[in-house]
Amino acid sequence: MHDFSSRILRPELLDGGQLHDEEVRRTLLDLRWINRYFGTRKVLLRALASEISRRGLTEFTVLDVASGSCDLPIAVIHWAQRRKLKTQVFALEYQHRHLGLFRRELMTYRELYPFCADAFRVPLLNPKFDFVICSHFLHHLTEEQAVELLSRMSTWARHVVIVSDHERHPVPYYFFRLFSRLFTTSFVSRTDGLISLAKSFRKDELEKTAERAGLARYRVERHWPFQLILISDSGR
């Protein structure tokens, strides 16, 4: 029986940089499918839409941290287009190969600006974006790194920081363990998925991390299925 009382930090295969291109692509496509059908995209867009509506914005900029293959930045662009809103979405990804494998697709979006960089060493002078978002990346970090990243994100956001991730719990862990072969094509997805679920935050842990990061106005919400979303209002 797995112990869910605390985070168990282990490296993930996709982060190692030693997989063949085809395996990386298959894994990223699996992650796209999971983001679409297990609520990640829906939860993110709902939170973003609420904050944009509350401010009455007709145009806005977004920085997405740890974008992977940029499926969520693309979802933001499609959402904005359907509502006749103007947007620019900057997609920060550490792994150059993740962007390169989808380069042809990404180039078709004039509103999308993907770039390769370390989130802890962003090569921009005084970066400012209306919204700074991050999905399913915080669990990759130690508590100290998560505090630092949240603090940095809060300085980059004019309006709101939105962070979503899994919630550590036995139900999603054992569901994924039993049924992941039905909706994944890569052994990397199945291996890394269990590692991710075991090292995710719980709601109270994420709240404490936000407090340590100095986020004065924030809330952490639970969303089905076993997702957490942190929304921090910069007040600007």
C-alpha atoms as a PDB file:
ATOM      1  CA  MET A   1       0.000   0.000   0.000  1.00  0.00           C
ATOM      2  CA  HIS A   2       1.400   3.377  -1.016  1.00  0.00           C
ATOM      3  CA  ASP A   3       1.962   5.954   1.712  1.00  0.00           C
ATOM      4  CA  PHE A   4       0.172   9.237   0.888  1.00  0.00           C
ATOM      5  CA  SER A   5       1.000  11.025   4.137  1.00  0.00           C
ATOM      6  CA  SER A   6       3.802  13.040   2.544  1.00  0.00           C
ATOM      7  CA  ARG A   7       5.231  13.861  -0.875  1.00  0.00           C
ATOM      8  CA  ILE A   8       7.678  11.343  -2.322  1.00  0.00           C
ATOM      9  CA  LEU A   9      10.037  13.186  -4.664  1.00  0.00           C
ATOM     10  CA  ARG A  10      11.440  11.068  -7.478  1.00  0.00           C
ATOM     11  CA  PRO A  11      12.745  12.100 -10.903  1.00  0.00           C
ATOM     12  CA  GLU A  12      10.460  11.550 -13.890  1.00  0.00           C
ATOM     13  CA  LEU A  13      11.610   9.891 -17.105  1.00  0.00           C
ATOM     14  CA  LEU A  14      10.430  12.750 -19.318  1.00  0.00           C
ATOM     15  CA  ASP A  15      12.629  15.193 -17.413  1.00  0.00           C
ATOM     16  CA  GLY A  16      15.797  13.145 -17.934  1.00  0.00           C
ATOM     17  CA  GLY A  17      16.424  14.155 -21.545  1.00  0.00           C
ATOM     18  CA  GLN A  18      17.505  10.640 -22.567  1.00  0.00           C
ATOM     19  CA  LEU A  19      14.387   9.378 -24.353  1.00  0.00           C
ATOM     20  CA  HIS A  20      14.067   9.050 -28.119  1.00  0.00           C
ATOM     21  CA  ASP A  21      12.128  11.782 -29.901  1.00  0.00           C
ATOM     22  CA  GLU A  22       9.233   9.481 -30.784  1.00  0.00           C
ATOM     23  CA  GLU A  23       8.774   8.402 -27.162  1.00  0.00           C
ATOM     24  CA  VAL A  24       8.850  12.027 -26.013  1.00  0.00           C
ATOM     25  CA  ARG A  25       6.269  12.982 -28.638  1.00  0.00           C
ATOM     26  CA  ARG A  26       3.971  10.103 -27.687  1.00  0.00           C
ATOM     27  CA  THR A  27       4.215  11.082 -24.016  1.00  0.00           C
ATOM     28  CA  LEU A  28       3.436  14.720 -24.728  1.00  0.00           C
ATOM     29  CA  LEU A  29       0.440  13.673 -26.829  1.00  0.00           C
ATOM     30  CA  ASP A  30      -0.737  11.525 -23.919  1.00  0.00           C
ATOM     31  CA  LEU A  31      -0.449  14.567 -21.656  1.00  0.00           C
ATOM     32  CA  ARG A  32      -2.507  16.593 -24.131  1.00  0.00           C
ATOM     33  CA  TRP A  33      -5.246  13.953 -24.026  1.00  0.00           C
ATOM     34  CA  ILE A  34      -5.193  13.849 -20.226  1.00  0.00           C
ATOM     35  CA  ASN A  35      -5.317  17.657 -19.998  1.00  0.00           C
ATOM     36  CA  ARG A  36      -8.335  17.698 -22.279  1.00  0.00           C
ATOM     37  CA  TYR A  37     -10.386  14.836 -20.882  1.00  0.00           C
ATOM     38  CA  PHE A  38      -9.468  14.888 -17.189  1.00  0.00           C
ATOM     39  CA  GLY A  39     -10.354  18.502 -16.604  1.00  0.00           C
ATOM     40  CA  THR A  40      -7.048  20.377 -16.560  1.00  0.00           C
ATOM     41  CA  ARG A  41      -7.905  22.517 -19.561  1.00  0.00           C
ATOM     42  CA  LYS A  42     -11.489  23.132 -18.418  1.00  0.00           C
ATOM     43  CA  VAL A  43     -10.473  24.170 -14.894  1.00  0.00           C
ATOM     44  CA  LEU A  44      -7.767  26.516 -16.179  1.00  0.00           C
ATOM     45  CA  LEU A  45      -9.976  28.202 -18.781  1.00  0.00           C
ATOM     46  CA  ARG A  46     -12.839  28.608 -16.325  1.00  0.00           C
ATOM     47  CA  ALA A  47     -10.567  30.354 -13.813  1.00  0.00           C
ATOM     48  CA  LEU A  48      -8.999  32.564 -16.470  1.00  0.00           C
ATOM     49  CA  ALA A  49     -12.383  33.440 -17.971  1.00  0.00           C
ATOM     50  CA  SER A  50     -13.735  34.459 -14.570  1.00  0.00           C
ATOM     51  CA  GLU A  51     -10.813  36.790 -13.889  1.00  0.00           C
ATOM     52  CA  ILE A  52     -10.947  38.347 -17.366  1.00  0.00           C
ATOM     53  CA  SER A  53     -14.703  38.908 -17.104  1.00  0.00           C
ATOM     54  CA  ARG A  54     -14.402  40.394 -13.617  1.00  0.00           C
ATOM     55  CA  ARG A  55     -11.999  43.014 -14.976  1.00  0.00           C
ATOM     56  CA  GLY A  56     -13.872  43.637 -18.223  1.00  0.00           C
ATOM     57  CA  LEU A  57     -10.781  43.039 -20.341  1.00  0.00           C
ATOM     58  CA  THR A  58     -11.012  42.867 -24.133  1.00  0.00           C
ATOM     59  CA  GLU A  59      -7.306  42.158 -24.594  1.00  0.00           C
ATOM     60  CA  PHE A  60      -4.753  40.536 -22.329  1.00  0.00           C
ATOM     61  CA  THR A  61      -1.342  38.886 -22.145  1.00  0.00           C
ATOM     62  CA  VAL A  62      -0.509  35.527 -20.577  1.00  0.00           C
ATOM     63  CA  LEU A  63       2.722  33.875 -19.512  1.00  0.00           C
ATOM     64  CA  ASP A  64       2.412  30.090 -19.241  1.00  0.00           C
ATOM     65  CA  VAL A  65       5.220  28.541 -17.183  1.00  0.00           C
ATOM     66  CA  ALA A  66       6.387  25.006 -18.108  1.00  0.00           C
ATOM     67  CA  SER A  67       4.285  24.772 -21.272  1.00  0.00           C
ATOM     68  CA  GLY A  68       5.337  21.326 -22.514  1.00  0.00           C
ATOM     69  CA  SER A  69       3.978  21.032 -26.058  1.00  0.00           C
ATOM     70  CA  CYS A  70       1.892  24.224 -25.588  1.00  0.00           C
ATOM     71  CA  ASP A  71      -1.544  22.600 -25.680  1.00  0.00           C
ATOM     72  CA  LEU A  72      -2.835  24.791 -22.850  1.00  0.00           C
ATOM     73  CA  PRO A  73      -1.529  28.067 -24.359  1.00  0.00           C
ATOM     74  CA  ILE A  74      -3.208  27.023 -27.623  1.00  0.00           C
ATOM     75  CA  ALA A  75      -6.444  26.341 -25.711  1.00  0.00           C
ATOM     76  CA  VAL A  76      -6.272  29.879 -24.263  1.00  0.00           C
ATOM     77  CA  ILE A  77      -5.842  31.300 -27.781  1.00  0.00           C
ATOM     78  CA  HIS A  78      -8.813  29.325 -29.136  1.00  0.00           C
ATOM     79  CA  TRP A  79     -10.936  30.417 -26.183  1.00  0.00           C
ATOM     80  CA  ALA A  80     -10.054  34.073 -26.776  1.00  0.00           C
ATOM     81  CA  GLN A  81     -10.711  33.822 -30.512  1.00  0.00           C
ATOM     82  CA  ARG A  82     -14.210  32.420 -29.932  1.00  0.00           C
ATOM     83  CA  ARG A  83     -14.994  35.436 -27.736  1.00  0.00           C
ATOM     84  CA  LYS A  84     -13.406  38.015 -30.057  1.00  0.00           C
ATOM     85  CA  LEU A  85     -10.754  38.894 -27.467  1.00  0.00           C
ATOM     86  CA  LYS A  86      -7.198  39.899 -28.338  1.00  0.00           C
ATOM     87  CA  THR A  87      -4.433  37.981 -26.618  1.00  0.00           C
ATOM     88  CA  GLN A  88      -0.736  37.272 -26.679  1.00  0.00           C
ATOM     89  CA  VAL A  89       0.385  34.072 -24.985  1.00  0.00           C
ATOM     90  CA  PHE A  90       4.042  33.570 -24.064  1.00  0.00           C
ATOM     91  CA  ALA A  91       4.903  29.920 -23.480  1.00  0.00           C
ATOM     92  CA  LEU A  92       7.984  29.235 -21.367  1.00  0.00           C
ATOM     93  CA  GLU A  93       9.393  25.699 -21.584  1.00  0.00           C
ATOM     94  CA  TYR A  94      12.728  24.439 -20.252  1.00  0.00           C
ATOM     95  CA  GLN A  95      13.018  21.469 -22.622  1.00  0.00           C
ATOM     96  CA  HIS A  96      13.831  22.762 -26.097  1.00  0.00           C
ATOM     97  CA  ARG A  97      12.885  19.407 -27.608  1.00  0.00           C
ATOM     98  CA  HIS A  98       9.316  19.654 -26.294  1.00  0.00           C
ATOM     99  CA  LEU A  99       8.822  22.801 -28.351  1.00  0.00           C
ATOM    100  CA  GLY A 100      10.825  21.545 -31.314  1.00  0.00           C
ATOM    101  CA  LEU A 101       8.775  18.382 -31.789  1.00  0.00           C
ATOM    102  CA  PHE A 102       5.650  20.524 -32.288  1.00  0.00           C
ATOM    103  CA  ARG A 103       7.350  23.434 -34.035  1.00  0.00           C
ATOM    104  CA  ARG A 104       5.307  23.264 -37.247  1.00  0.00           C
ATOM    105  CA  GLU A 105       2.012  23.364 -35.350  1.00  0.00           C
ATOM    106  CA  LEU A 106       3.127  26.127 -32.990  1.00  0.00           C
ATOM    107  CA  MET A 107       4.204  28.356 -35.866  1.00  0.00           C
ATOM    108  CA  THR A 108       0.615  28.513 -37.144  1.00  0.00           C
ATOM    109  CA  TYR A 109      -0.484  30.615 -34.139  1.00  0.00           C
ATOM    110  CA  ARG A 110       0.496  34.266 -34.535  1.00  0.00           C
ATOM    111  CA  GLU A 111      -0.672  34.957 -30.955  1.00  0.00           C
ATOM    112  CA  LEU A 112       1.714  32.351 -29.508  1.00  0.00           C
ATOM    113  CA  TYR A 113       5.303  33.153 -28.491  1.00  0.00           C
ATOM    114  CA  PRO A 114       7.056  29.984 -27.298  1.00  0.00           C
ATOM    115  CA  PHE A 115      10.547  30.309 -25.852  1.00  0.00           C
ATOM    116  CA  CYS A 116      12.989  28.027 -24.103  1.00  0.00           C
ATOM    117  CA  ALA A 117      14.200  29.125 -20.674  1.00  0.00           C
ATOM    118  CA  ASP A 118      14.617  28.148 -17.041  1.00  0.00           C
ATOM    119  CA  ALA A 119      11.660  29.433 -14.999  1.00  0.00           C
ATOM    120  CA  PHE A 120      14.118  30.421 -12.260  1.00  0.00           C
ATOM    121  CA  ARG A 121      16.265  32.417 -14.701  1.00  0.00           C
ATOM    122  CA  VAL A 122      13.818  34.043 -17.096  1.00  0.00           C
ATOM    123  CA  PRO A 123      15.823  36.038 -19.686  1.00  0.00           C
ATOM    124  CA  LEU A 124      13.443  39.006 -19.707  1.00  0.00           C
ATOM    125  CA  LEU A 125      13.998  42.479 -18.276  1.00  0.00           C
ATOM    126  CA  ASN A 126      11.258  43.362 -15.763  1.00  0.00           C
ATOM    127  CA  PRO A 127       8.723  40.930 -17.281  1.00  0.00           C
ATOM    128  CA  LYS A 128       5.059  41.851 -16.810  1.00  0.00           C
ATOM    129  CA  PHE A 129       2.016  39.939 -18.029  1.00  0.00           C
ATOM    130  CA  ASP A 130      -1.666  40.330 -17.188  1.00  0.00           C
ATOM    131  CA  PHE A 131      -1.941  36.698 -16.142  1.00  0.00           C
ATOM    132  CA  VAL A 132       0.740  34.184 -15.209  1.00  0.00           C
ATOM    133  CA  ILE A 133      -0.378  30.565 -15.299  1.00  0.00           C
ATOM    134  CA  CYS A 134       1.213  27.207 -14.591  1.00  0.00           C
ATOM    135  CA  SER A 135      -0.362  23.753 -14.903  1.00  0.00           C
ATOM    136  CA  HIS A 136       0.855  20.441 -13.514  1.00  0.00           C
ATOM    137  CA  PHE A 137       4.397  21.617 -12.897  1.00  0.00           C
ATOM    138  CA  LEU A 138       4.539  22.537  -9.225  1.00  0.00           C
ATOM    139  CA  HIS A 139       4.725  18.888  -8.164  1.00  0.00           C
ATOM    140  CA  HIS A 140       8.067  18.596  -9.965  1.00  0.00           C
ATOM    141  CA  LEU A 141       9.594  20.977  -7.419  1.00  0.00           C
ATOM    142  CA  THR A 142      10.784  20.783  -3.859  1.00  0.00           C
ATOM    143  CA  GLU A 143       8.880  22.910  -1.361  1.00  0.00           C
ATOM    144  CA  GLU A 144      11.627  25.546  -1.430  1.00  0.00           C
ATOM    145  CA  GLN A 145      11.596  25.672  -5.219  1.00  0.00           C
ATOM    146  CA  ALA A 146       7.791  25.905  -5.258  1.00  0.00           C
ATOM    147  CA  VAL A 147       7.927  28.849  -2.849  1.00  0.00           C
ATOM    148  CA  GLU A 148      10.487  30.600  -5.049  1.00  0.00           C
ATOM    149  CA  LEU A 149       8.542  29.991  -8.247  1.00  0.00           C
ATOM    150  CA  LEU A 150       5.251  31.247  -6.804  1.00  0.00           C
ATOM    151  CA  SER A 151       7.026  34.337  -5.511  1.00  0.00           C
ATOM    152  CA  ARG A 152       8.519  35.004  -8.944  1.00  0.00           C
ATOM    153  CA  MET A 153       5.203  34.445 -10.701  1.00  0.00           C
ATOM    154  CA  SER A 154       3.498  36.938  -8.398  1.00  0.00           C
ATOM    155  CA  THR A 155       6.000  39.639  -9.408  1.00  0.00           C
ATOM    156  CA  TRP A 156       5.390  38.959 -13.106  1.00  0.00           C
ATOM    157  CA  ALA A 157       1.571  39.197 -12.944  1.00  0.00           C
ATOM    158  CA  ARG A 158      -0.285  42.492 -13.278  1.00  0.00           C
ATOM    159  CA  HIS A 159      -3.556  40.885 -12.264  1.00  0.00           C
ATOM    160  CA  VAL A 160      -3.605  37.206 -11.298  1.00  0.00           C
ATOM    161  CA  VAL A 161      -1.493  34.085 -10.868  1.00  0.00           C
ATOM    162  CA  ILE A 162      -3.274  30.797 -11.630  1.00  0.00           C
ATOM    163  CA  VAL A 163      -1.622  27.485 -10.740  1.00  0.00           C
ATOM    164  CA  SER A 164      -3.265  24.090 -11.179  1.00  0.00           C
ATOM    165  CA  ASP A 165      -2.039  20.618 -10.296  1.00  0.00           C
ATOM    166  CA  HIS A 166      -3.082  17.164  -9.104  1.00  0.00           C
ATOM    167  CA  GLU A 167      -4.059  16.643  -5.484  1.00  0.00           C
ATOM    168  CA  ARG A 168      -2.244  13.778  -3.757  1.00  0.00           C
ATOM    169  CA  HIS A 169      -4.860  11.164  -2.919  1.00  0.00           C
ATOM    170  CA  PRO A 170      -5.175   7.360  -3.188  1.00  0.00           C
ATOM    171  CA  VAL A 171      -8.201   7.467  -5.537  1.00  0.00           C
ATOM    172  CA  PRO A 172      -6.482   9.094  -8.576  1.00  0.00           C
ATOM    173  CA  TYR A 173      -3.288   7.169  -7.865  1.00  0.00           C
ATOM    174  CA  TYR A 174      -4.909   3.736  -7.980  1.00  0.00           C
ATOM    175  CA  PHE A 175      -7.299   4.717 -10.767  1.00  0.00           C
ATOM    176  CA  PHE A 176      -4.318   5.694 -12.907  1.00  0.00           C
ATOM    177  CA  ARG A 177      -2.415   2.574 -11.911  1.00  0.00           C
ATOM    178  CA  LEU A 178      -5.311   0.319 -12.933  1.00  0.00           C
ATOM    179  CA  PHE A 179      -6.648   2.064 -16.030  1.00  0.00           C
ATOM    180  CA  SER A 180      -3.889   4.220 -17.555  1.00  0.00           C
ATOM    181  CA  ARG A 181      -3.238   1.665 -20.318  1.00  0.00           C
ATOM    182  CA  LEU A 182      -6.686   2.476 -21.684  1.00  0.00           C
ATOM    183  CA  PHE A 183      -5.859   6.129 -22.409  1.00  0.00           C
ATOM    184  CA  THR A 184      -2.068   6.329 -22.753  1.00  0.00           C
ATOM    185  CA  THR A 185       0.218   5.084 -25.508  1.00  0.00           C
ATOM    186  CA  SER A 186       3.601   5.440 -23.793  1.00  0.00           C
ATOM    187  CA  PHE A 187       5.171   3.559 -20.909  1.00  0.00           C
ATOM    188  CA  VAL A 188       6.722   6.893 -19.936  1.00  0.00           C
ATOM    189  CA  SER A 189       3.257   8.368 -19.373  1.00  0.00           C
ATOM    190  CA  ARG A 190       2.283   5.453 -17.168  1.00  0.00           C
ATOM    191  CA  THR A 191       5.492   5.542 -15.139  1.00  0.00           C
ATOM    192  CA  ASP A 192       5.681   9.311 -14.754  1.00  0.00           C
ATOM    193  CA  GLY A 193       1.966   9.586 -14.029  1.00  0.00           C
ATOM    194  CA  LEU A 194       2.258   7.525 -10.855  1.00  0.00           C
ATOM    195  CA  ILE A 195       5.373   9.422  -9.788  1.00  0.00           C
ATOM    196  CA  SER A 196       3.564  12.736 -10.349  1.00  0.00           C
ATOM    197  CA  LEU A 197       0.543  11.697  -8.312  1.00  0.00           C
ATOM    198  CA  ALA A 198       2.760  10.530  -5.439  1.00  0.00           C
ATOM    199  CA  LYS A 199       4.669  13.811  -5.196  1.00  0.00           C
ATOM    200  CA  SER A 200       1.759  16.215  -5.656  1.00  0.00           C
ATOM    201  CA  PHE A 201       0.641  18.639  -2.968  1.00  0.00           C
ATOM    202  CA  ARG A 202      -2.399  18.398  -0.755  1.00  0.00           C
ATOM    203  CA  LYS A 203      -4.648  21.434  -0.316  1.00  0.00           C
ATOM    204  CA  ASP A 204      -3.238  22.451   3.063  1.00  0.00           C
ATOM    205  CA  GLU A 205       0.334  21.976   1.809  1.00  0.00           C
ATOM    206  CA  LEU A 206      -0.296  24.203  -1.200  1.00  0.00           C
ATOM    207  CA  GLU A 207      -1.849  26.846   1.042  1.00  0.00           C
ATOM    208  CA  LYS A 208       1.202  26.838   3.288  1.00  0.00           C
ATOM    209  CA  THR A 209       3.456  27.097   0.238  1.00  0.00           C
ATOM    210  CA  ALA A 210       1.470  30.111  -1.004  1.00  0.00           C
ATOM    211  CA  GLU A 211       1.781  31.760   2.408  1.00  0.00           C
ATOM    212  CA  ARG A 212       5.540  31.188   2.457  1.00  0.00           C
ATOM    213  CA  ALA A 213       5.752  32.704  -1.031  1.00  0.00           C
ATOM    214  CA  GLY A 214       4.168  35.883   0.308  1.00  0.00           C
ATOM    215  CA  LEU A 215       0.938  35.663  -1.661  1.00  0.00           C
ATOM    216  CA  ALA A 216      -1.299  37.962   0.391  1.00  0.00           C
ATOM    217  CA  ARG A 217      -4.557  37.425  -1.515  1.00  0.00           C
ATOM    218  CA  TYR A 218      -5.042  33.853  -2.653  1.00  0.00           C
ATOM    219  CA  ARG A 219      -7.395  30.930  -2.496  1.00  0.00           C
ATOM    220  CA  VAL A 220      -6.942  27.226  -3.176  1.00  0.00           C
ATOM    221  CA  GLU A 221      -9.929  25.398  -4.624  1.00  0.00           C
ATOM    222  CA  ARG A 222     -10.629  21.719  -5.148  1.00  0.00           C
ATOM    223  CA  HIS A 223     -12.010  20.654  -8.517  1.00  0.00           C
ATOM    224  CA  TRP A 224     -13.116  17.240  -9.692  1.00  0.00           C
ATOM    225  CA  PRO A 225     -11.347  14.974 -10.408  1.00  0.00           C
ATOM    226  CA  PHE A 226      -8.822  15.590  -7.589  1.00  0.00           C
ATOM    227  CA  GLN A 227      -7.355  18.795  -8.913  1.00  0.00           C
ATOM    228  CA  LEU A 228      -6.207  21.845  -7.012  1.00  0.00           C
ATOM    229  CA  ILE A 229      -6.194  25.367  -8.379  1.00  0.00           C
ATOM    230  CA  LEU A 230      -4.434  28.268  -6.698  1.00  0.00           C
ATOM    231  CA  ILE A 231      -5.636  31.757  -7.663  1.00  0.00           C
ATOM    232  CA  SER A 232      -3.686  34.732  -6.368  1.00  0.00           C
ATOM    233  CA  ASP A 233      -4.858  38.294  -7.036  1.00  0.00           C
ATOM    234  CA  SER A 234      -2.057  40.827  -7.296  1.00  0.00           C
ATOM    235  CA  GLY A 235      -4.512  43.684  -6.853  1.00  0.00           C
ATOM    236  CA  ARG A 236      -3.033  45.621  -9.722  1.00  0.00           C
END
